[in-house]
Each structure stands twice: as C-alpha cells, then as structure tokens.
Amino acid sequence: MSNAKDVTDITFEQEVLNSDKLTLVDFWASWCGPCRKLGPVLDEIAQEYEGRVNVFKLNTDDNMKTTKEYQISGLPSIVLFKDGKPKEILVGLMPKSSIVNNIEKYL
C-alpha cells in the first residue's frame, strides 16, 4: 500500500493549496518508467515525514487542468508547496537525498 495519497483536479485546492503543512506533489503517469521507480522513494519519504509533510501523487493523464496550471512538461515532476504556493519544482528521477534536502529547506 502506498503512503503517498492520490490527489485530483477536484481535490487539489483543498488537499494541497489549503494545507497548513509543507506538501509534496508527485506529477506522474502510468506509462512513465522513471515515475514508477520514484514511487517507492516517495512512499519512504511520506512515512518518514508523516505528520510534518503531506505527500500526494497526481496522475497527469487524468488531471490535465492542474498539470497545465503548473506547466508540468517533464515527468516525473515534484512540486513542493508551502502556504498554497509552489516553492520548488524538481524534474526527473533523482536520488532520495536530493528530494529530502529540498524538503528540509522548508521545514
């Protein structure tokens, strides 16, 4: 079972923009190989930062409105939101340490 929760165009504002916690959103697609490799890493991060950071996954194929709004063109893309605003956009498969370093900047 995944520790990262799904978010959609419909729930994005409530779950991400209105959150009082640092929120990581993984923009991914089922056909994206690097996205599948990143999934378990994000699950670990979600577990390790439980209660301090919200971790969500947004399927770009099913949620085009939000994908276009944040101009996501490369997958996987991770966007860190704080106070309803995107603070960091990380594109491509990267090591867990890089993601964690970016999270720590905002905690």
Protein backbone atom coordinates (compact mmCIF):
# COMPACT_ATOMS: atom_id res chain seq x y z
CA MET A 1 0.00 0.00 0.00
CA SER A 2 1.24 3.46 -0.88
CA ASN A 3 1.94 6.04 1.80
CA ALA A 4 1.53 8.82 -0.76
CA LYS A 5 -2.13 9.74 -1.26
CA ASP A 6 -3.81 10.46 -4.57
CA VAL A 7 -4.93 13.98 -5.37
CA THR A 8 -7.02 15.11 -8.36
CA ASP A 9 -8.04 18.30 -10.12
CA ILE A 10 -11.13 18.30 -7.91
CA THR A 11 -9.35 17.79 -4.57
CA PHE A 12 -6.14 19.74 -5.35
CA GLU A 13 -7.18 23.06 -3.84
CA GLN A 14 -8.47 21.54 -0.62
CA GLU A 15 -5.66 18.99 -0.11
CA VAL A 16 -2.65 20.97 -1.39
CA LEU A 17 -3.29 24.69 -1.62
CA ASN A 18 -5.23 24.94 1.65
CA SER A 19 -2.85 22.70 3.62
CA ASP A 20 -1.07 24.16 6.63
CA LYS A 21 1.83 21.71 6.10
CA LEU A 22 4.60 21.53 3.56
CA THR A 23 3.13 19.48 0.71
CA LEU A 24 4.95 17.45 -1.91
CA VAL A 25 3.06 16.63 -5.11
CA ASP A 26 4.42 13.99 -7.46
CA PHE A 27 3.17 14.62 -11.00
CA TRP A 28 3.38 11.22 -12.70
CA ALA A 29 1.88 8.97 -15.39
CA SER A 30 1.44 5.20 -15.56
CA TRP A 31 3.45 4.95 -18.80
CA CYS A 32 6.45 6.79 -17.28
CA GLY A 33 9.22 4.36 -16.25
CA PRO A 34 11.14 6.85 -14.08
CA CYS A 35 7.84 7.72 -12.34
CA ARG A 36 7.40 4.08 -11.33
CA LYS A 37 10.96 4.00 -9.94
CA LEU A 38 10.34 7.18 -7.94
CA GLY A 39 7.12 5.85 -6.36
CA PRO A 40 8.75 3.68 -3.64
CA VAL A 41 11.16 6.52 -2.75
CA LEU A 42 8.24 8.89 -2.21
CA ASP A 43 6.46 6.26 -0.13
CA GLU A 44 9.52 6.13 2.16
CA ILE A 45 9.58 9.92 2.39
CA ALA A 46 5.85 10.01 3.18
CA GLN A 47 6.38 7.52 6.00
CA GLU A 48 9.48 9.25 7.40
CA TYR A 49 7.89 12.71 7.34
CA GLU A 50 4.40 11.64 8.42
CA GLY A 51 2.71 14.43 10.35
CA ARG A 52 5.14 17.05 9.03
CA VAL A 53 4.86 16.78 5.24
CA ASN A 54 1.90 15.77 3.11
CA VAL A 55 2.86 13.61 0.11
CA PHE A 56 0.48 13.34 -2.83
CA LYS A 57 0.54 11.78 -6.28
CA LEU A 58 -1.28 13.40 -9.20
CA ASN A 59 -1.79 11.36 -12.37
CA THR A 60 -1.13 13.84 -15.18
CA ASP A 61 -3.14 11.88 -17.75
CA ASP A 62 -6.27 12.03 -15.59
CA ASN A 63 -5.79 15.57 -14.23
CA MET A 64 -4.90 17.82 -17.13
CA LYS A 65 -6.23 21.03 -15.54
CA THR A 66 -3.74 21.02 -12.66
CA THR A 67 -0.94 19.69 -14.87
CA LYS A 68 -1.40 22.61 -17.28
CA GLU A 69 -1.84 25.15 -14.49
CA TYR A 70 1.61 24.33 -13.10
CA GLN A 71 3.14 23.96 -16.59
CA ILE A 72 4.32 20.40 -15.98
CA SER A 73 6.07 19.20 -19.12
CA GLY A 74 8.61 16.64 -17.88
CA LEU A 75 7.87 13.57 -15.82
CA PRO A 76 8.29 12.82 -13.08
CA SER A 77 7.97 16.31 -11.62
CA ILE A 78 7.83 17.02 -7.91
CA VAL A 79 6.41 20.32 -6.74
CA LEU A 80 6.84 21.43 -3.13
CA PHE A 81 4.05 23.69 -1.90
CA LYS A 82 4.12 25.83 1.22
CA ASP A 83 1.33 28.22 2.21
CA GLY A 84 -0.51 27.37 -1.01
CA LYS A 85 2.36 28.43 -3.26
CA PRO A 86 4.80 26.32 -5.29
CA LYS A 87 8.27 26.78 -3.78
CA GLU A 88 10.38 24.21 -5.62
CA ILE A 89 9.95 22.22 -8.83
CA LEU A 90 12.15 19.15 -9.24
CA VAL A 91 12.08 17.45 -12.65
CA GLY A 92 13.28 13.94 -13.44
CA LEU A 93 14.32 10.90 -11.49
CA MET A 94 16.60 11.88 -8.63
CA PRO A 95 18.04 10.29 -5.51
CA LYS A 96 16.10 10.37 -2.27
CA SER A 97 18.78 12.58 -0.70
CA SER A 98 18.12 15.35 -3.24
CA ILE A 99 14.40 15.30 -2.53
CA VAL A 100 14.97 15.25 1.24
CA ASN A 101 17.43 18.18 1.02
CA ASN A 102 14.77 20.24 -0.76
CA ILE A 103 12.12 19.27 1.81
CA GLU A 104 14.41 20.22 4.70
CA LYS A 105 14.85 23.74 3.28
CA TYR A 106 11.19 24.47 4.00
CA LEU A 107 10.66 22.73 7.35
